[in-house]
Amino acid sequence: MSLHLRLAPDQDDREFVTLIADRGQVRMIAKVARPVIEDAFPDADYARDRLALVERNVDVLARVVQEKVAVGDYRRSGDDVWVHIDPRDLVGLKLK
């Protein structure tokens, strides 16, 4: 079953881009930190392009999140599952 991540509506914290997906009662929350995005796209203007860069790559990030959850690399808080994506998670992946 594929994970349908989307940008969270509230993106006030400029140090992260937050993605969410809902599976029944469970909300999956993935955070991509600023250094991860800047490392993956060194020529981009982070402040201007961060949401577009993540949204263009949401399918790749969804696979990363699924893999991390499958191996237990997440934190749970109530019904929420929190996944942090770091630079190692993107090594070898083709990002656009």
PDB file of N, CA and C in Angstrom:
ATOM      1  N   MET A   1       0.851  -1.177   0.000  1.00  0.00           N
ATOM      2  CA  MET A   1       0.000   0.000   0.000  1.00  0.00           C
ATOM      3  C   MET A   1       0.893   1.236   0.000  1.00  0.00           C
ATOM      4  N   SER A   2       0.670   2.123  -0.966  1.00  0.00           N
ATOM      5  CA  SER A   2       1.520   3.310  -1.033  1.00  0.00           C
ATOM      6  C   SER A   2       1.054   4.358  -0.028  1.00  0.00           C
ATOM      7  N   LEU A   3       1.992   5.163   0.356  1.00  0.00           N
ATOM      8  CA  LEU A   3       1.744   6.215   1.328  1.00  0.00           C
ATOM      9  C   LEU A   3       1.506   7.512   0.575  1.00  0.00           C
ATOM     10  N   HIS A   4       0.410   8.169   0.833  1.00  0.00           N
ATOM     11  CA  HIS A   4       0.060   9.400   0.131  1.00  0.00           C
ATOM     12  C   HIS A   4       0.417  10.609   0.991  1.00  0.00           C
ATOM     13  N   LEU A   5       1.697  10.961   0.939  1.00  0.00           N
ATOM     14  CA  LEU A   5       2.166  12.136   1.675  1.00  0.00           C
ATOM     15  C   LEU A   5       1.738  13.405   0.954  1.00  0.00           C
ATOM     16  N   ARG A   6       1.537  14.448   1.741  1.00  0.00           N
ATOM     17  CA  ARG A   6       1.238  15.766   1.188  1.00  0.00           C
ATOM     18  C   ARG A   6       1.861  16.810   2.106  1.00  0.00           C
ATOM     19  N   LEU A   7       2.059  17.994   1.570  1.00  0.00           N
ATOM     20  CA  LEU A   7       2.588  19.067   2.402  1.00  0.00           C
ATOM     21  C   LEU A   7       1.583  19.403   3.489  1.00  0.00           C
ATOM     22  N   ALA A   8       2.059  19.557   4.698  1.00  0.00           N
ATOM     23  CA  ALA A   8       1.188  19.987   5.790  1.00  0.00           C
ATOM     24  C   ALA A   8       0.786  21.437   5.545  1.00  0.00           C
ATOM     25  N   PRO A   9      -0.423  21.817   5.916  1.00  0.00           N
ATOM     26  CA  PRO A   9      -0.868  23.194   5.661  1.00  0.00           C
ATOM     27  C   PRO A   9      -0.063  24.248   6.417  1.00  0.00           C
ATOM     28  N   ASP A  10       0.392  23.917   7.602  1.00  0.00           N
ATOM     29  CA  ASP A  10       1.128  24.884   8.419  1.00  0.00           C
ATOM     30  C   ASP A  10       2.627  24.670   8.221  1.00  0.00           C
ATOM     31  N   GLN A  11       3.270  25.593   7.547  1.00  0.00           N
ATOM     32  CA  GLN A  11       4.709  25.490   7.294  1.00  0.00           C
ATOM     33  C   GLN A  11       5.422  26.706   7.894  1.00  0.00           C
ATOM     34  N   ASP A  12       5.052  27.073   9.114  1.00  0.00           N
ATOM     35  CA  ASP A  12       5.622  28.252   9.764  1.00  0.00           C
ATOM     36  C   ASP A  12       7.068  28.062  10.219  1.00  0.00           C
ATOM     37  N   ASP A  13       7.456  26.828  10.522  1.00  0.00           N
ATOM     38  CA  ASP A  13       8.816  26.562  10.983  1.00  0.00           C
ATOM     39  C   ASP A  13       9.724  26.437   9.766  1.00  0.00           C
ATOM     40  N   ARG A  14      10.509  27.456   9.513  1.00  0.00           N
ATOM     41  CA  ARG A  14      11.355  27.495   8.312  1.00  0.00           C
ATOM     42  C   ARG A  14      12.543  26.535   8.382  1.00  0.00           C
ATOM     43  N   GLU A  15      12.748  25.887   9.507  1.00  0.00           N
ATOM     44  CA  GLU A  15      13.856  24.945   9.628  1.00  0.00           C
ATOM     45  C   GLU A  15      13.494  23.547   9.130  1.00  0.00           C
ATOM     46  N   PHE A  16      12.222  23.317   8.860  1.00  0.00           N
ATOM     47  CA  PHE A  16      11.740  22.024   8.383  1.00  0.00           C
ATOM     48  C   PHE A  16      10.681  22.231   7.313  1.00  0.00           C
ATOM     49  N   VAL A  17      10.518  21.219   6.471  1.00  0.00           N
ATOM     50  CA  VAL A  17       9.321  21.100   5.652  1.00  0.00           C
ATOM     51  C   VAL A  17       8.610  19.875   6.200  1.00  0.00           C
ATOM     52  N   THR A  18       7.339  20.036   6.513  1.00  0.00           N
ATOM     53  CA  THR A  18       6.567  18.960   7.128  1.00  0.00           C
ATOM     54  C   THR A  18       5.606  18.358   6.116  1.00  0.00           C
ATOM     55  N   LEU A  19       5.620  17.031   6.061  1.00  0.00           N
ATOM     56  CA  LEU A  19       4.706  16.267   5.225  1.00  0.00           C
ATOM     57  C   LEU A  19       3.822  15.423   6.135  1.00  0.00           C
ATOM     58  N   ILE A  20       2.583  15.193   5.702  1.00  0.00           N
ATOM     59  CA  ILE A  20       1.665  14.371   6.500  1.00  0.00           C
ATOM     60  C   ILE A  20       0.953  13.355   5.612  1.00  0.00           C
ATOM     61  N   ALA A  21       0.504  12.293   6.233  1.00  0.00           N
ATOM     62  CA  ALA A  21      -0.340  11.294   5.589  1.00  0.00           C
ATOM     63  C   ALA A  21      -1.226  10.696   6.668  1.00  0.00           C
ATOM     64  N   ASP A  22      -2.436  10.384   6.302  1.00  0.00           N
ATOM     65  CA  ASP A  22      -3.369   9.783   7.253  1.00  0.00           C
ATOM     66  C   ASP A  22      -3.681   8.358   6.832  1.00  0.00           C
ATOM     67  N   ARG A  23      -3.627   7.462   7.817  1.00  0.00           N
ATOM     68  CA  ARG A  23      -4.029   6.066   7.631  1.00  0.00           C
ATOM     69  C   ARG A  23      -4.992   5.729   8.757  1.00  0.00           C
ATOM     70  N   GLY A  24      -6.261   5.876   8.467  1.00  0.00           N
ATOM     71  CA  GLY A  24      -7.258   5.665   9.504  1.00  0.00           C
ATOM     72  C   GLY A  24      -7.064   6.679  10.617  1.00  0.00           C
ATOM     73  N   GLN A  25      -6.920   6.192  11.835  1.00  0.00           N
ATOM     74  CA  GLN A  25      -6.733   7.059  13.003  1.00  0.00           C
ATOM     75  C   GLN A  25      -5.298   7.565  13.132  1.00  0.00           C
ATOM     76  N   VAL A  26      -4.378   6.970  12.389  1.00  0.00           N
ATOM     77  CA  VAL A  26      -2.960   7.291  12.544  1.00  0.00           C
ATOM     78  C   VAL A  26      -2.555   8.392  11.566  1.00  0.00           C
ATOM     79  N   ARG A  27      -1.896   9.398  12.077  1.00  0.00           N
ATOM     80  CA  ARG A  27      -1.326  10.451  11.235  1.00  0.00           C
ATOM     81  C   ARG A  27       0.175  10.249  11.209  1.00  0.00           C
ATOM     82  N   MET A  28       0.711  10.144  10.004  1.00  0.00           N
ATOM     83  CA  MET A  28       2.157  10.046   9.827  1.00  0.00           C
ATOM     84  C   MET A  28       2.672  11.447   9.527  1.00  0.00           C
ATOM     85  N   ILE A  29       3.714  11.819  10.234  1.00  0.00           N
ATOM     86  CA  ILE A  29       4.305  13.145  10.082  1.00  0.00           C
ATOM     87  C   ILE A  29       5.778  12.953   9.760  1.00  0.00           C
ATOM     88  N   ALA A  30       6.194  13.491   8.615  1.00  0.00           N
ATOM     89  CA  ALA A  30       7.603  13.404   8.218  1.00  0.00           C
ATOM     90  C   ALA A  30       8.169  14.808   8.179  1.00  0.00           C
ATOM     91  N   LYS A  31       9.321  14.965   8.781  1.00  0.00           N
ATOM     92  CA  LYS A  31       9.985  16.269   8.795  1.00  0.00           C
ATOM     93  C   LYS A  31      11.291  16.166   8.018  1.00  0.00           C
ATOM     94  N   VAL A  32      11.458  17.089   7.082  1.00  0.00           N
ATOM     95  CA  VAL A  32      12.690  17.176   6.307  1.00  0.00           C
ATOM     96  C   VAL A  32      13.384  18.462   6.753  1.00  0.00           C
ATOM     97  N   ALA A  33      14.540  18.322   7.364  1.00  0.00           N
ATOM     98  CA  ALA A  33      15.253  19.476   7.920  1.00  0.00           C
ATOM     99  C   ALA A  33      15.918  20.302   6.824  1.00  0.00           C
ATOM    100  N   ARG A  34      16.076  21.566   7.120  1.00  0.00           N
ATOM    101  CA  ARG A  34      16.688  22.506   6.184  1.00  0.00           C
ATOM    102  C   ARG A  34      18.025  21.999   5.624  1.00  0.00           C
ATOM    103  N   PRO A  35      18.960  21.505   6.461  1.00  0.00           N
ATOM    104  CA  PRO A  35      20.235  21.030   5.902  1.00  0.00           C
ATOM    105  C   PRO A  35      20.067  19.883   4.903  1.00  0.00           C
ATOM    106  N   VAL A  36      19.066  19.043   5.102  1.00  0.00           N
ATOM    107  CA  VAL A  36      18.824  17.937   4.171  1.00  0.00           C
ATOM    108  C   VAL A  36      18.457  18.496   2.798  1.00  0.00           C
ATOM    109  N   ILE A  37      17.556  19.466   2.791  1.00  0.00           N
ATOM    110  CA  ILE A  37      17.116  20.066   1.530  1.00  0.00           C
ATOM    111  C   ILE A  37      18.262  20.833   0.884  1.00  0.00           C
ATOM    112  N   GLU A  38      18.999  21.584   1.688  1.00  0.00           N
ATOM    113  CA  GLU A  38      20.111  22.354   1.142  1.00  0.00           C
ATOM    114  C   GLU A  38      21.209  21.454   0.592  1.00  0.00           C
ATOM    115  N   ASP A  39      21.458  20.299   1.229  1.00  0.00           N
ATOM    116  CA  ASP A  39      22.446  19.348   0.714  1.00  0.00           C
ATOM    117  C   ASP A  39      21.978  18.723  -0.602  1.00  0.00           C
ATOM    118  N   ALA A  40      20.695  18.390  -0.683  1.00  0.00           N
ATOM    119  CA  ALA A  40      20.161  17.740  -1.877  1.00  0.00           C
ATOM    120  C   ALA A  40      20.046  18.707  -3.053  1.00  0.00           C
ATOM    121  N   PHE A  41      19.832  19.985  -2.757  1.00  0.00           N
ATOM    122  CA  PHE A  41      19.656  21.002  -3.805  1.00  0.00           C
ATOM    123  C   PHE A  41      20.522  22.218  -3.486  1.00  0.00           C
ATOM    124  N   PRO A  42      21.836  22.081  -3.614  1.00  0.00           N
ATOM    125  CA  PRO A  42      22.740  23.157  -3.186  1.00  0.00           C
ATOM    126  C   PRO A  42      22.594  24.469  -3.962  1.00  0.00           C
ATOM    127  N   ASP A  43      22.044  24.417  -5.159  1.00  0.00           N
ATOM    128  CA  ASP A  43      21.912  25.641  -5.950  1.00  0.00           C
ATOM    129  C   ASP A  43      20.561  26.328  -5.793  1.00  0.00           C
ATOM    130  N   ALA A  44      19.683  25.750  -5.011  1.00  0.00           N
ATOM    131  CA  ALA A  44      18.342  26.312  -4.844  1.00  0.00           C
ATOM    132  C   ALA A  44      18.335  27.395  -3.765  1.00  0.00           C
ATOM    133  N   ASP A  45      17.383  28.276  -3.872  1.00  0.00           N
ATOM    134  CA  ASP A  45      17.145  29.295  -2.848  1.00  0.00           C
ATOM    135  C   ASP A  45      16.176  28.672  -1.837  1.00  0.00           C
ATOM    136  N   TYR A  46      16.694  28.220  -0.707  1.00  0.00           N
ATOM    137  CA  TYR A  46      15.893  27.481   0.263  1.00  0.00           C
ATOM    138  C   TYR A  46      14.628  28.238   0.659  1.00  0.00           C
ATOM    139  N   ALA A  47      14.768  29.507   1.002  1.00  0.00           N
ATOM    140  CA  ALA A  47      13.622  30.277   1.483  1.00  0.00           C
ATOM    141  C   ALA A  47      12.510  30.342   0.432  1.00  0.00           C
ATOM    142  N   ARG A  48      12.894  30.453  -0.826  1.00  0.00           N
ATOM    143  CA  ARG A  48      11.905  30.587  -1.893  1.00  0.00           C
ATOM    144  C   ARG A  48      11.408  29.226  -2.398  1.00  0.00           C
ATOM    145  N   ASP A  49      12.292  28.240  -2.482  1.00  0.00           N
ATOM    146  CA  ASP A  49      11.989  27.014  -3.213  1.00  0.00           C
ATOM    147  C   ASP A  49      11.714  25.785  -2.361  1.00  0.00           C
ATOM    148  N   ARG A  50      11.849  25.873  -1.057  1.00  0.00           N
ATOM    149  CA  ARG A  50      11.820  24.678  -0.222  1.00  0.00           C
ATOM    150  C   ARG A  50      10.548  23.848  -0.381  1.00  0.00           C
ATOM    151  N   LEU A  51       9.398  24.477  -0.421  1.00  0.00           N
ATOM    152  CA  LEU A  51       8.150  23.716  -0.523  1.00  0.00           C
ATOM    153  C   LEU A  51       8.025  23.071  -1.898  1.00  0.00           C
ATOM    154  N   ALA A  52       8.395  23.784  -2.939  1.00  0.00           N
ATOM    155  CA  ALA A  52       8.320  23.233  -4.299  1.00  0.00           C
ATOM    156  C   ALA A  52       9.277  22.058  -4.470  1.00  0.00           C
ATOM    157  N   LEU A  53      10.479  22.167  -3.912  1.00  0.00           N
ATOM    158  CA  LEU A  53      11.457  21.084  -4.019  1.00  0.00           C
ATOM    159  C   LEU A  53      10.949  19.819  -3.352  1.00  0.00           C
ATOM    160  N   VAL A  54      10.381  19.964  -2.176  1.00  0.00           N
ATOM    161  CA  VAL A  54       9.866  18.801  -1.449  1.00  0.00           C
ATOM    162  C   VAL A  54       8.634  18.237  -2.155  1.00  0.00           C
ATOM    163  N   GLU A  55       7.742  19.113  -2.596  1.00  0.00           N
ATOM    164  CA  GLU A  55       6.532  18.637  -3.262  1.00  0.00           C
ATOM    165  C   GLU A  55       6.858  17.887  -4.558  1.00  0.00           C
ATOM    166  N   ARG A  56       7.852  18.348  -5.302  1.00  0.00           N
ATOM    167  CA  ARG A  56       8.265  17.659  -6.532  1.00  0.00           C
ATOM    168  C   ARG A  56       8.804  16.262  -6.241  1.00  0.00           C
ATOM    169  N   ASN A  57       9.305  16.052  -5.059  1.00  0.00           N
ATOM    170  CA  ASN A  57       9.931  14.787  -4.692  1.00  0.00           C
ATOM    171  C   ASN A  57       9.128  13.991  -3.670  1.00  0.00           C
ATOM    172  N   VAL A  58       7.872  14.307  -3.531  1.00  0.00           N
ATOM    173  CA  VAL A  58       7.050  13.694  -2.489  1.00  0.00           C
ATOM    174  C   VAL A  58       6.943  12.176  -2.665  1.00  0.00           C
ATOM    175  N   ASP A  59       6.941  11.672  -3.895  1.00  0.00           N
ATOM    176  CA  ASP A  59       6.852  10.217  -4.089  1.00  0.00           C
ATOM    177  C   ASP A  59       8.110   9.516  -3.574  1.00  0.00           C
ATOM    178  N   VAL A  60       9.275  10.099  -3.833  1.00  0.00           N
ATOM    179  CA  VAL A  60      10.533   9.532  -3.341  1.00  0.00           C
ATOM    180  C   VAL A  60      10.550   9.580  -1.819  1.00  0.00           C
ATOM    181  N   LEU A  61      10.131  10.703  -1.256  1.00  0.00           N
ATOM    182  CA  LEU A  61      10.114  10.850   0.203  1.00  0.00           C
ATOM    183  C   LEU A  61       9.117   9.885   0.843  1.00  0.00           C
ATOM    184  N   ALA A  62       7.998   9.627   0.181  1.00  0.00           N
ATOM    185  CA  ALA A  62       7.018   8.672   0.709  1.00  0.00           C
ATOM    186  C   ALA A  62       7.641   7.279   0.810  1.00  0.00           C
ATOM    187  N   ARG A  63       8.431   6.893  -0.188  1.00  0.00           N
ATOM    188  CA  ARG A  63       9.094   5.581  -0.127  1.00  0.00           C
ATOM    189  C   ARG A  63      10.100   5.538   1.022  1.00  0.00           C
ATOM    190  N   VAL A  64      10.822   6.644   1.224  1.00  0.00           N
ATOM    191  CA  VAL A  64      11.779   6.714   2.332  1.00  0.00           C
ATOM    192  C   VAL A  64      11.044   6.557   3.656  1.00  0.00           C
ATOM    193  N   VAL A  65       9.934   7.260   3.810  1.00  0.00           N
ATOM    194  CA  VAL A  65       9.157   7.180   5.051  1.00  0.00           C
ATOM    195  C   VAL A  65       8.657   5.753   5.268  1.00  0.00           C
ATOM    196  N   GLN A  66       8.129   5.125   4.228  1.00  0.00           N
ATOM    197  CA  GLN A  66       7.632   3.746   4.365  1.00  0.00           C
ATOM    198  C   GLN A  66       8.755   2.808   4.795  1.00  0.00           C
ATOM    199  N   GLU A  67       9.932   2.963   4.202  1.00  0.00           N
ATOM    200  CA  GLU A  67      11.061   2.099   4.562  1.00  0.00           C
ATOM    201  C   GLU A  67      11.481   2.316   6.014  1.00  0.00           C
ATOM    202  N   LYS A  68      11.501   3.578   6.441  1.00  0.00           N
ATOM    203  CA  LYS A  68      11.897   3.876   7.821  1.00  0.00           C
ATOM    204  C   LYS A  68      10.887   3.278   8.810  1.00  0.00           C
ATOM    205  N   VAL A  69       9.612   3.390   8.500  1.00  0.00           N
ATOM    206  CA  VAL A  69       8.581   2.822   9.376  1.00  0.00           C
ATOM    207  C   VAL A  69       8.700   1.295   9.387  1.00  0.00           C
ATOM    208  N   ALA A  70       8.957   0.699   8.234  1.00  0.00           N
ATOM    209  CA  ALA A  70       9.065  -0.763   8.148  1.00  0.00           C
ATOM    210  C   ALA A  70      10.188  -1.315   9.017  1.00  0.00           C
ATOM    211  N   VAL A  71      11.271  -0.557   9.184  1.00  0.00           N
ATOM    212  CA  VAL A  71      12.390  -1.032  10.008  1.00  0.00           C
ATOM    213  C   VAL A  71      12.339  -0.463  11.432  1.00  0.00           C
ATOM    214  N   GLY A  72      11.265   0.258  11.749  1.00  0.00           N
ATOM    215  CA  GLY A  72      11.103   0.769  13.106  1.00  0.00           C
ATOM    216  C   GLY A  72      11.850   2.059  13.401  1.00  0.00           C
ATOM    217  N   ASP A  73      12.266   2.769  12.373  1.00  0.00           N
ATOM    218  CA  ASP A  73      13.003   4.022  12.545  1.00  0.00           C
ATOM    219  C   ASP A  73      12.028   5.201  12.578  1.00  0.00           C
ATOM    220  N   TYR A  74      11.277   5.280  13.662  1.00  0.00           N
ATOM    221  CA  TYR A  74      10.289   6.346  13.851  1.00  0.00           C
ATOM    222  C   TYR A  74      10.001   6.480  15.337  1.00  0.00           C
ATOM    223  N   ARG A  75       9.245   7.534  15.661  1.00  0.00           N
ATOM    224  CA  ARG A  75       8.820   7.753  17.046  1.00  0.00           C
ATOM    225  C   ARG A  75       7.303   7.839  17.033  1.00  0.00           C
ATOM    226  N   ARG A  76       6.702   7.303  18.035  1.00  0.00           N
ATOM    227  CA  ARG A  76       5.238   7.332  18.123  1.00  0.00           C
ATOM    228  C   ARG A  76       4.809   8.185  19.305  1.00  0.00           C
ATOM    229  N   SER A  77       3.784   8.996  19.089  1.00  0.00           N
ATOM    230  CA  SER A  77       3.211   9.819  20.146  1.00  0.00           C
ATOM    231  C   SER A  77       1.692   9.765  19.978  1.00  0.00           C
ATOM    232  N   GLY A  78       1.038   9.008  20.835  1.00  0.00           N
ATOM    233  CA  GLY A  78      -0.410   8.827  20.690  1.00  0.00           C
ATOM    234  C   GLY A  78      -0.706   8.155  19.362  1.00  0.00           C
ATOM    235  N   ASP A  79      -1.556   8.774  18.555  1.00  0.00           N
ATOM    236  CA  ASP A  79      -1.879   8.228  17.233  1.00  0.00           C
ATOM    237  C   ASP A  79      -0.943   8.734  16.148  1.00  0.00           C
ATOM    238  N   ASP A  80       0.045   9.548  16.503  1.00  0.00           N
ATOM    239  CA  ASP A  80       0.955  10.119  15.512  1.00  0.00           C
ATOM    240  C   ASP A  80       2.234   9.303  15.394  1.00  0.00           C
ATOM    241  N   VAL A  81       2.687   9.126  14.164  1.00  0.00           N
ATOM    242  CA  VAL A  81       3.956   8.481  13.865  1.00  0.00           C
ATOM    243  C   VAL A  81       4.864   9.561  13.282  1.00  0.00           C
ATOM    244  N   TRP A  82       6.002   9.809  13.922  1.00  0.00           N
ATOM    245  CA  TRP A  82       6.943  10.855  13.512  1.00  0.00           C
ATOM    246  C   TRP A  82       8.158  10.230  12.857  1.00  0.00           C
ATOM    247  N   VAL A  83       8.483  10.696  11.666  1.00  0.00           N
ATOM    248  CA  VAL A  83       9.651  10.215  10.933  1.00  0.00           C
ATOM    249  C   VAL A  83      10.501  11.420  10.570  1.00  0.00           C
ATOM    250  N   HIS A  84      11.791  11.339  10.884  1.00  0.00           N
ATOM    251  CA  HIS A  84      12.728  12.402  10.509  1.00  0.00           C
ATOM    252  C   HIS A  84      13.598  11.891   9.375  1.00  0.00           C
ATOM    253  N   ILE A  85      13.630  12.655   8.309  1.00  0.00           N
ATOM    254  CA  ILE A  85      14.437  12.296   7.147  1.00  0.00           C
ATOM    255  C   ILE A  85      15.761  13.041   7.251  1.00  0.00           C
ATOM    256  N   ASP A  86      16.848  12.279   7.154  1.00  0.00           N
ATOM    257  CA  ASP A  86      18.166  12.916   7.222  1.00  0.00           C
ATOM    258  C   ASP A  86      18.924  12.659   5.918  1.00  0.00           C
ATOM    259  N   PRO A  87      20.080  13.290   5.735  1.00  0.00           N
ATOM    260  CA  PRO A  87      20.801  13.171   4.456  1.00  0.00           C
ATOM    261  C   PRO A  87      21.119  11.726   4.056  1.00  0.00           C
ATOM    262  N   ARG A  88      21.408  10.866   5.016  1.00  0.00           N
ATOM    263  CA  ARG A  88      21.708   9.459   4.691  1.00  0.00           C
ATOM    264  C   ARG A  88      20.533   8.772   4.009  1.00  0.00           C
ATOM    265  N   ASP A  89      19.312   9.210   4.322  1.00  0.00           N
ATOM    266  CA  ASP A  89      18.125   8.591   3.742  1.00  0.00           C
ATOM    267  C   ASP A  89      17.993   8.884   2.251  1.00  0.00           C
ATOM    268  N   LEU A  90      18.661   9.922   1.776  1.00  0.00           N
ATOM    269  CA  LEU A  90      18.508  10.328   0.379  1.00  0.00           C
ATOM    270  C   LEU A  90      19.687   9.907  -0.507  1.00  0.00           C
ATOM    271  N   VAL A  91      20.700   9.297   0.085  1.00  0.00           N
ATOM    272  CA  VAL A  91      21.876   8.881  -0.688  1.00  0.00           C
ATOM    273  C   VAL A  91      21.460   7.905  -1.773  1.00  0.00           C
ATOM    274  N   GLY A  92      21.858   8.200  -3.006  1.00  0.00           N
ATOM    275  CA  GLY A  92      21.586   7.317  -4.133  1.00  0.00           C
ATOM    276  C   GLY A  92      20.205   7.456  -4.742  1.00  0.00           C
ATOM    277  N   LEU A  93      19.377   8.322  -4.192  1.00  0.00           N
ATOM    278  CA  LEU A  93      18.031   8.504  -4.739  1.00  0.00           C
ATOM    279  C   LEU A  93      18.040   9.603  -5.793  1.00  0.00           C
ATOM    280  N   LYS A  94      17.210   9.444  -6.791  1.00  0.00           N
ATOM    281  CA  LYS A  94      17.131  10.454  -7.856  1.00  0.00           C
ATOM    282  C   LYS A  94      16.058  11.481  -7.491  1.00  0.00           C
ATOM    283  N   LEU A  95      16.522  12.669  -7.171  1.00  0.00           N
ATOM    284  CA  LEU A  95      15.615  13.759  -6.813  1.00  0.00           C
ATOM    285  C   LEU A  95      15.533  14.729  -7.970  1.00  0.00           C
ATOM    286  N   LYS A  96      14.378  15.377  -8.100  1.00  0.00           N
ATOM    287  CA  LYS A  96      14.174  16.323  -9.198  1.00  0.00           C
ATOM    288  C   LYS A  96      14.212  17.757  -8.717  1.00  0.00           C
TER     289      LYS A  96
END
